[in-house]
Amino acid sequence: MKKTIIAVLSAATLALSSVPAYASVFSDIDTVPWPGAAQYIDEAYELGIITGYIENDQRLCKPKNNVTYCEAVQLMYALMNSYSGTSVNQSAVSKWQSTMAAENIPSWAYNAVAYALENSILSRNDISIFMASSTVQNNARREDIAVIFGKALSKVYSLASNPTLTYNDKAQIASTSVPYVELLNRLNIMVGDANNNFNPKVNMNRAELSVLVTKTYHTLKDGNGSGTTTPSTPSGTVVQYAGKVTQKTSSGSGYSVSVSVNGKEETFTANATTTVTGTDGKSASLSDVSTGDSVVAVCSGGVATTIIIMAEGDGSEDSTSKESGTINSIDEDKIVVRSGSKNKSYDIQDEDIDVSIDGSNSSLSTLIRRFEGGRNYSVDVYLNDDEEVVRIEAKEGSGEYDDNAISSVSKSRVKTHGGDEYNFPDDIDDEDVDDIIKLDGDYVTYEDFKEAYDDLDDDKQMIITDFDLEDEDDDESELKYLEVDTEDLETSNKSSSSADTKGLIKSISKSKVVLDNEDDDEYDFADEDDIDSLEFDGKDYDVDDDEFEEFIDDIDSALDDDEVYIELTLDSHDKITEAVAYTCTTAEGNIDRIDTSDRSIEIDNEDYDYTSSTTFSIIDGEDKITKDDDIDDAIDDDKSFEVTAIINDDNEVISVIGYVSAIDDVDVDSFHYDDEDADKCYLKLNISTSSTKYYFVDDYDGSDGLDKLDKKVNDDDENVSVDLELNEDGKIEDMTIN
């Protein structure tokens, strides 16, 4: 028995313009799922689009058989090739060959798939579902095929500025697909069934595909699915841009967004009226659109009505602005900076941003730890175009400015940290105007005053001590007199007993302490002259009386029989200046329960008390649990733990460290799939901490695969539930799809 698969003939064959009446060449034409399908199948054959199968010397169309993704893309490519007269070049095929090979795309489909990838009709993520194995193709769903053909046709016809659907089952269609499904409906290429359902998740059969390709052919050739009338020319003010965001800057009440489209940069405006859809198909905001993202933007009159984020970029971009002040609060996600009497909050791009403390390279976690330990910092925060913090430069020891301390000086006015403004006369910068500003007891020119302010040391502030206005009753009145004194900035250096770092001791010597953790973190002692205090089991050791060595020896001896827990205070160079240690016991295992009202906790079936000063540090995916209330929520979310609890002589827990090791039977809220890098894939779950990301290990080879999860999340109408096993870094090592 000889077989041939679907074949696509040359563009010249596709250009046939008439369909003569004749008996069907397909011996199984009477098996079509509905009578009207036969004419489309015959026409598709006459046009050379579909030739069917040859079996036992008979030509078969197999109209009820399902269509595969590769076949659908091949037909789309043939139609677009015929319309435009151009084909994909070999360099484009070579560019995408490794990507296609990695997804087991058959070589006969390389040209078509490469064309689709090169023209943003398909993404790398899209082709990951094309193959069930190295040799078996997956059947294609109606919605997916509609998107493929809709994206191709959007190169010719404009997408609707505000696409809407009237299908009864429109809720089952992903929001990212709506613009393309609407376009095919508007062009009468692909419509609903007799019950006005689109059936997006149903596989498409060959009879339906014949209707789709013949109508698409006539739409491209004649301008209409019926081939009789030409649709109106797409509006010149409604255009679609598909490409990568190269720039996003604030512009009035919105943003100016630039997108690279086939090597050309297109710019449009986005504002509060713009509808944004994220990669998970859910509503998003303009703040979610970042440089490097791949997007589809539908614009009317230069303003984006719809932006669909097709794929997230790596988030890397240059800092464009700087804000200064003192830290009001800071954690892994956000920093609040106080400038004068005002606080402003900024999102932190990620935990790996550049951080310097007192001129030395440091880390975000160190800055957070020291701030929570009681130290105060003045900071310069550097922001990208999305006002995310990409770098922090911190200096220790800066406290709050007085309200009447000067915050800025210009030729127009002087401003204070308390929000007051005083206007200078228009001629303030004239050289002969020298009797208005008195600085530190001497009259100075504006130029000297401005220079002195610009050169002000970090530990100094300029205080307005007196002033006189032309009109005392008019806040806008000009200054007749301004008196300013330079004073020390009140500082609030660290004076708290809160430690910078804590943990069990693995070893100790006169030079350093090594903690008993995964990384064996080491901390060197400062010079003995710089060590402020040492304490072990309630005993103070006087460094001045050569008791430092005794402190070391006592702890070293205790380590022979007991465990010793230590709290370390560090200077700006991470050298130990204070240490408080005591012998302890530990409990390891799962947290079975926690009662926040009476402060009791059960670990590995043993009950313990804890206090308000007990610290918690439990890694949970990309986040960290630091509060007892959050542990209670985590238990309700069916999370299991691997923790070590430090217990003092009163059987009280003083510290709990560890990680969430498993999450059972939890619904997936969204799944970000990267078909090339497993460690870029992550889940969000329908739990109390729904925004937490759970990434996969880079060599993930779990019970169920990532491609399987991606297909199930996209295919199923109902929630997808999973069991997760996580490592000490919060990353998924194993996953079972329920």
Foldseek 3Di string as FASTA:
>chain_A
DDKDAWDADALVLLPDDDQDDDDAQAPVLVVAPDVVLSVLVRVCVSSRLGQAIADPNGGHNQQFAFAAPLSLLVSLQRLLCSLVVDFDDPVLLVVCVVLCVLLLNDPVSSRSVSVCCLQVLDDSLRSNQQAPDNPHGDGDFLLNSLSSNLSSCLVFAFFDLDFDADAPVCVLHQLVSRRSNSVCVVLVQQFPDPNRHNRRLHTHGSSNVSSNSQQSNLCSVQCGSVNPDHDDHHDPQKHKAWAFWADWADDVQWIWTWGQRSNDIDIATEHPQAWEAECQSDTDDPLQRAGQFTWMFIGGNRYTNYIYGNADGPRDDDFDDKDKAKWPADDQFKTWGQFQNDIDIATASGQQAWEAEPRHTDGRLLVNLVVVLPWIWIWMFTAHRSRHTRYIYIYTWFDDDDNQWWDDDDQAWTAGSVGAIAGAPNCQQPPPPFAAEAEQRRTGGSVVVRVCVVPDDRQKTKGWPDWDFPDPVDSHTHTRHTYIYIDGGHTGGRDGPAFSDKAWFPADDQFWTFHPDPVRDIAGADPLVQADWEEEPHDTADSVVVCSRVSRVVVRVCVVPFIKMKGFHADSVRHGRYMYMYTWDKAWFKWQAADPVQQWTAGPNDIAHEDPQAFEFEAAASDTDTDPVVVRQCVVQQWIWTWMFTAHPVRYTRYIYTYGFKGFFWWWPGWRDDPPFQQVIWTATPGPPRVHTAGADRPADAPDDPSVVVCCSSNDPDTWTKMFGADRNRHTRYIDID
